[in-house]
Amino acid sequence: MNHDSSATRIAAAIERDLVGLAAGARLPSQRELVARHSASASTIAQAVALLTQRGLVESRPGAGSFRATPRPAGTRGDNRWQDAALELTEHLDHGVGGERRYVTGALGQTLGAYGADVVDLNGGYLHPSLGPTTLLSASLTRVSRRAEAWERPPAAGVPELRDWFARDIAPDLGRSDILVAPGGQAALATTLRALTQPGDTVVVESPTYPGTLAAALAAGLRPRGLPLDGEGLVPSYLDEALTRTHARVVVVQPLHHNPTGVTMGAERRREIRAVARAHDAFVIEDDFARHLTHTDASTPPAPMIADDGDGTVIHLRSLTKPTSPNLRIAAIAARGPVMRRLREAAVTDALLVPALLQHTALDVVTAAGWRRAQRDLAENLRRRRDACVTHLVRGLGADVLDVVNRGGYHLWLTCPDERDGAEVASAALAAGVAVTPGANYYQAGHGGVPRVRLSYVAAPDEAELERGVARLVEVLRD
């Protein structure tokens, strides 16, 4: 199978250590395992995941990993035959297209759970203290008492929620232009599969969100990464790539790009859309950070879909990032015949999105406290960002940051002396702070990336955030 050989070797070593542990005993922390095996954080995570799949280890978010309770005798057979059977279904050559490949190591790291000894500067979801928890709880309680919350919803989504998304995205959209999806990642995966055939090239930003690469590979596509400038994707590069590859899909994050933080201006957005239209290509606009703009930001540019009468842009908008990882509600917005294809793909993938979640989301965004919750979040994000920037610049100098974000939840750091970001991330974890190696945002096989991404939303408070940044600064100084 396509598992890292180091991860397999380390999993075997950890399995030997399990012999002396009682059921329920805690394994060494991730940072201890990194130091013990001289491996990267991602390799350790893969090794623990292998043991979890085999039922030898169980992970508890926020607590760590533990030896699992042994299964009753007689319930486990020899399932090693599966490796050979599954091997027949995939090719390990990264240059081959047309095969569905499930490569979720980088994406899975965003869901990593750490013990109390590690400050989480890796996670991409709001800590509960930052989210509208009270509002969510009240809405869920109200909605769960309503009959419609337990009725089968329309396949395209609850009409009133589609109306709200249409107003939120662009003034001339209607409910017929909106499709509700079970979260932003699902919306992205469904849209990619709906617009392409296995073996097609899809143009992506480089660097880009790991979920984009994972979804493209799972659909059997060939990602073609294009470098960015200070405003994102470069029109001339896009024109050349579409001419050479005949790709019909381009994926962009125009607002508060993950990981670089850059934002496309209005003119750049028009240029990108015009290039795609000239090549009869769709632009998937991943607008993940629209509700994560900080209080010191100017008014963000309108979405690319806002003045796209030709239907070039397919817009993705999620409510998960500004609320909770458990409110997995997103919208796909599109004009024209493509919406029929998207609906058919969505029904095939998920059949429908639970009415309870849809009505809860609608209750939240139409509640009196929603705008206040958004203002509070915007201010908290600004304060956390400022705290991180202050400590980073004081300790490492201004060159550590190319962009100081005015939205989103992350900073893209340059490692001093061109140090490999993967090595920095491993050393940081050993020092008690988790960050994301820059290589996670590039296609497999990309050389050493002297970058790490720092997230400032997963830590419980600013004091913990500052402790984590202080530890990271010490690692980067070393």
Protein backbone atom coordinates (compact mmCIF):
# COMPACT_ATOMS: atom_id res chain seq x y z
CA MET A 1 0.00 0.00 0.00
CA ASN A 2 1.05 3.64 -0.39
CA HIS A 3 2.22 4.12 3.19
CA ASP A 4 5.48 5.84 4.05
CA SER A 5 8.03 3.08 4.80
CA SER A 6 9.31 5.06 7.80
CA ALA A 7 5.79 5.23 9.21
CA THR A 8 5.40 1.46 8.78
CA ARG A 9 8.71 0.85 10.54
CA ILE A 10 7.85 3.18 13.41
CA ALA A 11 4.39 1.63 13.74
CA ALA A 12 6.06 -1.75 14.18
CA ALA A 13 8.34 -0.32 16.88
CA ILE A 14 5.43 1.25 18.75
CA GLU A 15 3.50 -2.00 18.47
CA ARG A 16 6.36 -3.80 20.21
CA ASP A 17 6.23 -1.22 23.00
CA LEU A 18 2.49 -1.84 23.42
CA VAL A 19 3.21 -5.34 24.75
CA GLY A 20 4.19 -3.92 28.12
CA LEU A 21 1.22 -1.55 28.40
CA ALA A 22 -2.13 -2.33 29.96
CA ALA A 23 -5.33 -1.62 28.05
CA GLY A 24 -6.19 2.07 28.40
CA ALA A 25 -2.61 3.09 29.18
CA ARG A 26 -1.47 6.30 27.55
CA LEU A 27 1.15 6.18 24.82
CA PRO A 28 4.04 8.65 24.88
CA SER A 29 3.01 12.06 23.57
CA GLN A 30 3.47 12.90 19.92
CA ARG A 31 6.40 15.16 20.75
CA GLU A 32 8.05 12.33 22.72
CA LEU A 33 7.59 9.93 19.79
CA VAL A 34 9.09 12.50 17.41
CA ALA A 35 12.19 12.75 19.59
CA ARG A 36 12.42 9.02 20.29
CA HIS A 37 12.23 7.94 16.65
CA SER A 38 13.92 11.00 15.08
CA ALA A 39 10.98 11.34 12.72
CA SER A 40 8.76 14.12 11.48
CA ALA A 41 5.42 14.88 13.07
CA SER A 42 3.60 13.72 9.94
CA THR A 43 5.43 10.37 9.94
CA ILE A 44 4.54 9.80 13.61
CA ALA A 45 0.93 10.69 12.85
CA GLN A 46 0.88 8.16 9.99
CA ALA A 47 2.36 5.47 12.25
CA VAL A 48 -0.23 6.04 14.96
CA ALA A 49 -2.98 6.09 12.32
CA LEU A 50 -1.83 2.67 11.07
CA LEU A 51 -2.06 1.26 14.60
CA THR A 52 -5.46 2.88 15.07
CA GLN A 53 -6.73 1.26 11.87
CA ARG A 54 -5.60 -2.11 13.20
CA GLY A 55 -7.48 -1.60 16.46
CA LEU A 56 -4.33 -1.48 18.61
CA VAL A 57 -4.51 2.19 19.52
CA GLU A 58 -7.34 4.64 20.11
CA SER A 59 -7.01 8.42 20.00
CA ARG A 60 -8.88 10.82 22.25
CA PRO A 61 -8.90 14.44 21.09
CA GLY A 62 -7.12 16.68 23.57
CA ALA A 63 -5.89 13.76 25.66
CA GLY A 64 -3.59 11.73 23.43
CA SER A 65 -3.38 8.14 22.21
CA PHE A 66 -4.00 5.04 24.32
CA ARG A 67 -3.62 1.30 24.02
CA ALA A 68 -6.97 -0.04 22.88
CA THR A 69 -8.88 -2.70 24.78
CA PRO A 70 -8.08 -6.06 23.16
CA ARG A 71 -10.85 -7.47 21.01
CA PRO A 72 -12.52 -10.69 22.14
CA ALA A 73 -10.69 -13.82 21.05
CA GLY A 74 -11.90 -15.28 17.77
CA THR A 75 -13.12 -12.01 16.19
CA ARG A 76 -9.90 -11.23 14.34
CA GLY A 77 -8.71 -13.11 11.30
CA ASP A 78 -5.87 -12.65 8.86
CA ASN A 79 -6.70 -9.56 6.78
CA ARG A 80 -3.26 -9.10 5.23
CA TRP A 81 -4.72 -10.18 1.89
CA GLN A 82 -6.30 -6.71 1.68
CA ASP A 83 -2.94 -5.07 1.03
CA ALA A 84 -2.49 -7.06 -2.17
CA ALA A 85 -6.11 -6.52 -3.24
CA LEU A 86 -5.94 -2.78 -2.67
CA GLU A 87 -2.53 -2.52 -4.33
CA LEU A 88 -4.16 -3.55 -7.61
CA THR A 89 -6.42 -0.50 -7.50
CA GLU A 90 -3.78 2.20 -7.29
CA HIS A 91 -0.57 3.31 -8.98
CA LEU A 92 2.24 4.78 -6.94
CA ASP A 93 3.64 6.89 -9.78
CA HIS A 94 2.74 10.49 -8.96
CA GLY A 95 2.83 11.40 -12.64
CA VAL A 96 0.11 8.97 -13.65
CA GLY A 97 -3.35 10.45 -14.14
CA GLY A 98 -6.75 8.83 -14.21
CA GLU A 99 -6.39 6.80 -11.00
CA ARG A 100 -8.21 7.81 -7.86
CA ARG A 101 -5.60 8.26 -5.15
CA TYR A 102 -6.43 8.90 -1.51
CA VAL A 103 -3.55 10.96 -0.20
CA THR A 104 -4.83 12.71 2.90
CA GLY A 105 -1.73 12.93 5.09
CA ALA A 106 -1.44 16.72 4.85
CA LEU A 107 -5.21 17.23 5.05
CA GLY A 108 -5.50 14.83 7.99
CA GLN A 109 -2.87 16.77 9.93
CA THR A 110 -5.29 19.69 10.18
CA LEU A 111 -7.47 17.42 12.35
CA GLY A 112 -4.59 16.36 14.60
CA ALA A 113 -5.24 16.02 18.33
CA TYR A 114 -2.50 16.93 20.79
CA GLY A 115 -2.03 16.40 24.50
CA ALA A 116 -2.08 19.17 27.08
CA ASP A 117 1.70 19.58 26.74
CA VAL A 118 1.47 20.83 23.14
CA VAL A 119 0.20 24.25 22.04
CA ASP A 120 -1.89 23.80 18.89
CA LEU A 121 -0.87 26.34 16.24
CA ASN A 122 -1.81 23.91 13.48
CA GLY A 123 -5.60 23.47 13.66
CA GLY A 124 -7.89 25.15 11.15
CA TYR A 125 -11.08 25.32 13.22
CA LEU A 126 -12.12 27.80 15.88
CA HIS A 127 -11.50 26.87 19.48
CA PRO A 128 -14.95 26.66 21.14
CA SER A 129 -14.13 29.82 23.12
CA LEU A 130 -14.02 31.77 19.83
CA GLY A 131 -17.14 30.33 18.23
CA PRO A 132 -20.79 31.31 18.83
CA THR A 133 -21.31 28.28 21.08
CA THR A 134 -24.22 29.75 23.04
CA LEU A 135 -25.98 30.77 19.84
CA LEU A 136 -25.41 27.34 18.29
CA SER A 137 -26.75 25.54 21.36
CA ALA A 138 -29.85 27.73 21.55
CA SER A 139 -30.58 27.29 17.84
CA LEU A 140 -30.14 23.53 17.94
CA THR A 141 -32.46 23.27 20.95
CA ARG A 142 -35.16 25.35 19.25
CA VAL A 143 -34.89 23.63 15.90
CA SER A 144 -34.89 20.09 17.31
CA ARG A 145 -38.44 20.66 18.60
CA ARG A 146 -39.79 21.52 15.15
CA ALA A 147 -41.36 18.87 12.95
CA GLU A 148 -39.60 20.11 9.81
CA ALA A 149 -36.21 19.38 11.39
CA TRP A 150 -36.97 15.66 11.13
CA GLU A 151 -38.65 15.69 7.72
CA ARG A 152 -36.80 14.85 4.52
CA PRO A 153 -35.48 18.10 3.03
CA PRO A 154 -35.33 18.88 -0.70
CA ALA A 155 -32.25 17.40 -2.33
CA ALA A 156 -30.93 20.87 -3.21
CA GLY A 157 -31.42 22.11 0.34
CA VAL A 158 -33.96 23.88 2.52
CA PRO A 159 -35.36 26.72 0.37
CA GLU A 160 -35.05 29.41 3.05
CA LEU A 161 -31.42 28.53 3.68
CA ARG A 162 -30.72 28.67 -0.05
CA ASP A 163 -32.36 32.11 -0.12
CA TRP A 164 -30.05 33.27 2.69
CA PHE A 165 -26.94 31.97 0.95
CA ALA A 166 -28.00 33.65 -2.30
CA ARG A 167 -28.32 37.03 -0.55
CA ASP A 168 -25.05 36.50 1.31
CA ILE A 169 -23.05 35.68 -1.83
CA ALA A 170 -24.36 38.04 -4.51
CA PRO A 171 -27.49 40.21 -4.80
CA ASP A 172 -28.71 38.83 -8.14
CA LEU A 173 -28.52 35.14 -7.17
CA GLY A 174 -31.69 33.22 -6.36
CA ARG A 175 -32.42 29.96 -4.61
CA SER A 176 -32.28 28.09 -7.92
CA ASP A 177 -28.60 29.07 -8.15
CA ILE A 178 -27.75 27.54 -4.77
CA LEU A 179 -27.05 23.97 -3.72
CA VAL A 180 -26.52 23.12 -0.04
CA ALA A 181 -23.60 20.78 0.68
CA PRO A 182 -22.32 19.02 3.82
CA GLY A 183 -19.33 21.30 4.39
CA GLY A 184 -16.77 23.10 2.27
CA GLN A 185 -14.54 20.08 1.63
CA ALA A 186 -17.50 18.05 0.38
CA ALA A 187 -18.61 20.96 -1.81
CA LEU A 188 -15.14 21.17 -3.34
CA ALA A 189 -14.89 17.41 -3.94
CA THR A 190 -18.36 17.21 -5.49
CA THR A 191 -17.73 20.18 -7.76
CA LEU A 192 -14.41 18.80 -9.01
CA ARG A 193 -15.93 15.43 -9.86
CA ALA A 194 -18.95 17.02 -11.52
CA LEU A 195 -16.84 19.14 -13.87
CA THR A 196 -14.11 16.69 -14.85
CA GLN A 197 -13.27 13.18 -16.00
CA PRO A 198 -10.49 11.04 -14.51
CA GLY A 199 -7.16 11.93 -16.12
CA ASP A 200 -8.08 15.59 -16.68
CA THR A 201 -5.73 18.36 -15.62
CA VAL A 202 -6.99 20.82 -13.01
CA VAL A 203 -5.12 24.10 -12.49
CA VAL A 204 -4.46 24.97 -8.84
CA GLU A 205 -2.49 27.58 -6.97
CA SER A 206 0.96 26.65 -5.68
CA PRO A 207 0.99 26.67 -2.70
CA THR A 208 -2.63 25.80 -2.04
CA TYR A 209 -5.01 24.32 0.52
CA PRO A 210 -4.14 20.61 1.03
CA GLY A 211 -7.81 19.67 0.69
CA THR A 212 -7.78 20.89 -2.91
CA LEU A 213 -4.93 18.55 -3.79
CA ALA A 214 -6.50 15.65 -1.88
CA ALA A 215 -9.87 16.12 -3.62
CA ALA A 216 -8.25 16.37 -7.05
CA LEU A 217 -6.21 13.18 -6.58
CA ALA A 218 -9.24 11.33 -5.19
CA ALA A 219 -11.10 12.26 -8.39
CA GLY A 220 -8.26 10.89 -10.55
CA LEU A 221 -7.18 14.36 -11.72
CA ARG A 222 -3.75 15.79 -12.50
CA PRO A 223 -3.17 18.95 -10.41
CA ARG A 224 -1.07 21.56 -12.24
CA GLY A 225 0.25 24.09 -9.73
CA LEU A 226 0.96 27.69 -10.77
CA PRO A 227 3.06 30.09 -8.66
CA LEU A 228 1.48 33.16 -7.07
CA ASP A 229 2.49 36.80 -6.85
CA GLY A 230 1.35 39.41 -4.32
CA GLU A 231 -2.24 39.20 -5.60
CA GLY A 232 -2.54 35.49 -6.17
CA LEU A 233 -2.76 33.63 -9.48
CA VAL A 234 -1.01 35.41 -12.38
CA PRO A 235 -3.22 35.81 -15.51
CA SER A 236 -0.39 35.23 -18.01
CA TYR A 237 0.64 32.01 -16.26
CA LEU A 238 -2.96 30.84 -16.25
CA ASP A 239 -3.38 31.60 -19.95
CA GLU A 240 -0.25 29.60 -20.81
CA ALA A 241 -1.27 26.66 -18.60
CA LEU A 242 -4.77 26.46 -20.07
CA THR A 243 -3.35 26.67 -23.60
CA ARG A 244 -0.92 23.80 -22.96
CA THR A 245 -3.08 21.50 -20.85
CA HIS A 246 -6.58 22.27 -22.18
CA ALA A 247 -7.73 22.12 -18.54
CA ARG A 248 -11.36 23.02 -18.00
CA VAL A 249 -11.21 23.78 -14.26
CA VAL A 250 -9.21 26.30 -12.22
CA VAL A 251 -9.39 26.41 -8.39
CA VAL A 252 -8.62 29.68 -6.62
CA GLN A 253 -8.90 31.22 -3.14
CA PRO A 254 -9.16 34.93 -3.95
CA LEU A 255 -9.72 36.17 -0.39
CA HIS A 256 -7.16 35.71 2.43
CA HIS A 257 -5.52 32.81 0.59
CA ASN A 258 -4.56 29.72 2.58
CA PRO A 259 -1.63 29.59 3.26
CA THR A 260 -0.06 32.79 1.84
CA GLY A 261 -2.72 35.26 3.04
CA VAL A 262 -2.77 37.25 -0.22
CA THR A 263 -6.00 38.72 -1.58
CA MET A 264 -6.85 39.30 -5.25
CA GLY A 265 -7.89 42.83 -6.10
CA ALA A 266 -10.99 43.49 -8.17
CA GLU A 267 -9.04 43.95 -11.43
CA ARG A 268 -7.05 40.74 -10.96
CA ARG A 269 -10.27 38.84 -10.37
CA ARG A 270 -11.70 40.17 -13.62
CA GLU A 271 -8.53 39.20 -15.48
CA ILE A 272 -8.52 35.65 -14.12
CA ARG A 273 -12.18 35.21 -14.99
CA ALA A 274 -11.63 36.59 -18.50
CA VAL A 275 -8.73 34.20 -19.17
CA ALA A 276 -10.76 31.22 -17.99
CA ARG A 277 -13.75 32.29 -20.09
CA ALA A 278 -11.56 32.60 -23.19
CA HIS A 279 -10.56 28.95 -22.72
CA ASP A 280 -14.09 27.74 -21.87
CA ALA A 281 -12.87 26.81 -18.38
CA PHE A 282 -14.71 27.01 -15.07
CA VAL A 283 -13.27 28.84 -12.07
CA ILE A 284 -14.03 27.28 -8.69
CA GLU A 285 -13.95 30.16 -6.22
CA ASP A 286 -13.23 28.80 -2.72
CA ASP A 287 -14.41 31.70 -0.56
CA PHE A 288 -13.63 29.99 2.77
CA ALA A 289 -12.58 33.16 4.64
CA ARG A 290 -15.42 35.55 3.75
CA HIS A 291 -16.71 35.50 7.34
CA LEU A 292 -13.21 35.60 8.87
CA THR A 293 -12.30 39.18 7.93
CA HIS A 294 -10.65 41.15 10.77
CA THR A 295 -11.85 44.43 12.20
CA ASP A 296 -8.90 46.39 10.80
CA ALA A 297 -9.51 45.23 7.22
CA SER A 298 -10.98 47.34 4.46
CA THR A 299 -14.16 46.10 2.81
CA PRO A 300 -13.25 42.88 0.98
CA PRO A 301 -13.66 42.77 -2.81
CA ALA A 302 -16.94 41.28 -3.98
CA PRO A 303 -16.83 37.58 -4.85
CA MET A 304 -15.79 36.71 -8.41
CA ILE A 305 -19.27 35.32 -9.05
CA ALA A 306 -20.92 38.67 -8.25
CA ASP A 307 -20.49 40.12 -11.75
CA ASP A 308 -20.11 36.87 -13.66
CA GLY A 309 -23.10 36.78 -15.95
CA ASP A 310 -21.60 34.08 -18.20
CA GLY A 311 -21.51 31.41 -15.48
CA THR A 312 -17.72 30.99 -15.54
CA VAL A 313 -17.45 31.01 -11.73
CA ILE A 314 -18.70 28.34 -9.35
CA HIS A 315 -18.63 29.77 -5.86
CA LEU A 316 -18.15 27.80 -2.62
CA ARG A 317 -19.21 29.36 0.70
CA SER A 318 -19.07 27.54 4.04
CA LEU A 319 -20.50 28.31 7.47
CA THR A 320 -18.20 25.85 9.22
CA LYS A 321 -15.11 28.04 9.66
CA PRO A 322 -16.87 30.94 11.47
CA THR A 323 -19.01 28.67 13.69
CA SER A 324 -17.94 25.12 14.53
CA PRO A 325 -16.39 22.10 12.77
CA ASN A 326 -19.64 20.30 13.59
CA LEU A 327 -21.90 22.68 11.66
CA ARG A 328 -20.98 21.21 8.31
CA ILE A 329 -23.09 23.39 6.06
CA ALA A 330 -21.87 24.99 2.84
CA ALA A 331 -23.28 26.30 -0.41
CA ILE A 332 -22.34 25.79 -4.05
CA ALA A 333 -23.46 28.76 -6.16
CA ALA A 334 -23.56 28.58 -9.96
CA ARG A 335 -25.42 30.03 -12.92
CA GLY A 336 -26.61 28.12 -15.95
CA PRO A 337 -26.90 24.47 -17.02
CA VAL A 338 -23.94 23.45 -14.84
CA MET A 339 -26.19 23.57 -11.78
CA ARG A 340 -28.05 20.50 -13.00
CA ARG A 341 -24.79 18.55 -13.21
CA LEU A 342 -23.81 19.76 -9.74
CA ARG A 343 -27.14 18.67 -8.25
CA GLU A 344 -26.85 15.22 -9.79
CA ALA A 345 -23.31 14.85 -8.43
CA ALA A 346 -24.37 16.03 -4.97
CA VAL A 347 -27.23 13.55 -4.80
CA THR A 348 -24.87 10.75 -5.84
CA ASP A 349 -22.32 11.74 -3.20
CA ALA A 350 -24.52 12.49 -0.18
CA LEU A 351 -28.18 12.06 -1.23
CA LEU A 352 -29.15 14.97 1.02
CA VAL A 353 -27.89 17.17 3.85
CA PRO A 354 -29.68 16.52 7.19
CA ALA A 355 -32.58 18.89 7.71
CA LEU A 356 -31.66 19.30 11.38
CA LEU A 357 -28.29 20.81 10.46
CA GLN A 358 -29.76 22.98 7.71
CA HIS A 359 -32.50 24.44 9.91
CA THR A 360 -30.00 24.98 12.73
CA ALA A 361 -27.69 26.86 10.38
CA LEU A 362 -30.59 28.99 9.15
CA ASP A 363 -31.67 29.74 12.73
CA VAL A 364 -28.12 30.77 13.63
CA VAL A 365 -27.52 33.16 10.72
CA THR A 366 -30.94 34.81 11.08
CA ALA A 367 -30.75 35.15 14.90
CA ALA A 368 -30.37 38.55 16.53
CA GLY A 369 -26.99 37.55 17.92
CA TRP A 370 -25.38 36.47 14.63
CA ARG A 371 -24.02 39.87 13.62
CA ARG A 372 -22.73 40.49 17.13
CA ALA A 373 -21.01 37.09 17.10
CA GLN A 374 -19.39 37.98 13.76
CA ARG A 375 -18.13 41.31 15.13
CA ASP A 376 -16.71 39.62 18.23
CA LEU A 377 -14.97 37.00 16.11
CA ALA A 378 -13.48 39.64 13.80
CA GLU A 379 -12.04 41.52 16.78
CA ASN A 380 -10.72 38.39 18.47
CA LEU A 381 -9.03 37.30 15.24
CA ARG A 382 -7.37 40.71 14.92
CA ARG A 383 -6.10 40.61 18.50
CA ARG A 384 -4.72 37.10 18.14
CA ARG A 385 -3.05 37.94 14.85
CA ASP A 386 -1.47 41.06 16.34
CA ALA A 387 -0.16 39.11 19.32
CA CYS A 388 1.46 36.56 17.02
CA VAL A 389 2.95 39.17 14.70
CA THR A 390 4.37 41.19 17.59
CA HIS A 391 6.19 38.21 19.09
CA LEU A 392 7.39 36.87 15.74
CA VAL A 393 8.80 40.20 14.51
CA ARG A 394 10.35 40.98 17.89
CA GLY A 395 12.07 37.61 18.01
CA LEU A 396 12.91 36.98 14.35
CA GLY A 397 12.67 40.28 12.48
CA ALA A 398 10.17 41.61 9.95
CA ASP A 399 11.46 39.36 7.15
CA VAL A 400 9.75 36.36 8.73
CA LEU A 401 6.41 37.53 7.26
CA ASP A 402 5.66 38.53 3.67
CA VAL A 403 2.00 39.27 4.40
CA VAL A 404 0.23 40.33 7.58
CA ASN A 405 -3.26 38.99 7.00
CA ARG A 406 -6.34 41.12 7.50
CA GLY A 407 -8.51 38.03 7.43
CA GLY A 408 -8.39 34.29 7.75
CA TYR A 409 -6.78 32.56 10.71
CA HIS A 410 -3.15 31.93 9.79
CA LEU A 411 0.30 33.36 9.06
CA TRP A 412 2.78 32.08 6.45
CA LEU A 413 6.26 32.21 7.97
CA THR A 414 9.62 32.16 6.23
CA CYS A 415 12.11 29.99 8.13
CA PRO A 416 15.43 31.76 8.83
CA ASP A 417 18.46 30.49 6.89
CA GLU A 418 16.19 28.60 4.46
CA ARG A 419 15.60 25.84 7.01
CA ASP A 420 13.32 23.06 5.82
CA GLY A 421 9.83 23.66 7.19
CA ALA A 422 9.28 19.94 7.81
CA GLU A 423 12.36 19.83 10.05
CA VAL A 424 11.22 22.98 11.84
CA ALA A 425 7.74 21.52 12.42
CA SER A 426 9.25 18.36 13.92
CA ALA A 427 11.59 20.33 16.16
CA ALA A 428 8.70 22.59 17.19
CA LEU A 429 6.55 19.62 18.15
CA ALA A 430 9.40 18.25 20.25
CA ALA A 431 9.51 21.67 21.95
CA GLY A 432 5.78 21.60 22.66
CA VAL A 433 4.15 23.52 19.81
CA ALA A 434 2.44 22.19 16.67
CA VAL A 435 2.71 24.09 13.38
CA THR A 436 2.16 22.99 9.78
CA PRO A 437 5.14 22.33 7.49
CA GLY A 438 5.07 24.36 4.29
CA ALA A 439 5.46 21.25 2.12
CA ASN A 440 1.88 20.29 3.02
CA TYR A 441 0.65 23.02 0.68
CA TYR A 442 2.49 21.78 -2.39
CA GLN A 443 2.15 18.74 -4.63
CA ALA A 444 3.98 15.57 -3.60
CA GLY A 445 7.59 15.51 -4.66
CA HIS A 446 8.10 19.26 -4.15
CA GLY A 447 11.53 19.99 -2.69
CA GLY A 448 12.28 21.29 0.80
CA VAL A 449 10.02 24.26 1.58
CA PRO A 450 11.49 26.83 4.01
CA ARG A 451 8.04 27.75 5.31
CA VAL A 452 5.66 26.86 8.11
CA ARG A 453 2.07 27.93 8.62
CA LEU A 454 0.93 29.17 12.00
CA SER A 455 -2.77 29.07 12.90
CA TYR A 456 -4.00 31.33 15.69
CA VAL A 457 -7.54 30.00 16.20
CA ALA A 458 -7.08 26.56 17.78
CA ALA A 459 -5.39 27.68 21.03
CA PRO A 460 -7.83 28.24 23.93
CA ASP A 461 -6.71 31.79 24.76
CA GLU A 462 -4.16 34.49 23.96
CA ALA A 463 -1.87 33.48 26.84
CA GLU A 464 -1.59 29.94 25.45
CA LEU A 465 -1.15 31.34 21.95
CA GLU A 466 1.74 33.54 23.09
CA ARG A 467 3.39 30.59 24.88
CA GLY A 468 3.24 28.61 21.66
CA VAL A 469 4.69 31.45 19.57
CA ALA A 470 7.50 31.92 22.11
CA ARG A 471 8.40 28.22 21.80
CA LEU A 472 8.33 28.45 18.01
CA VAL A 473 10.59 31.53 18.03
CA GLU A 474 13.14 29.64 20.12
CA VAL A 475 13.10 26.74 17.65
CA LEU A 476 13.52 29.07 14.68
CA ARG A 477 16.40 30.85 16.42
CA ASP A 478 18.23 27.58 17.04
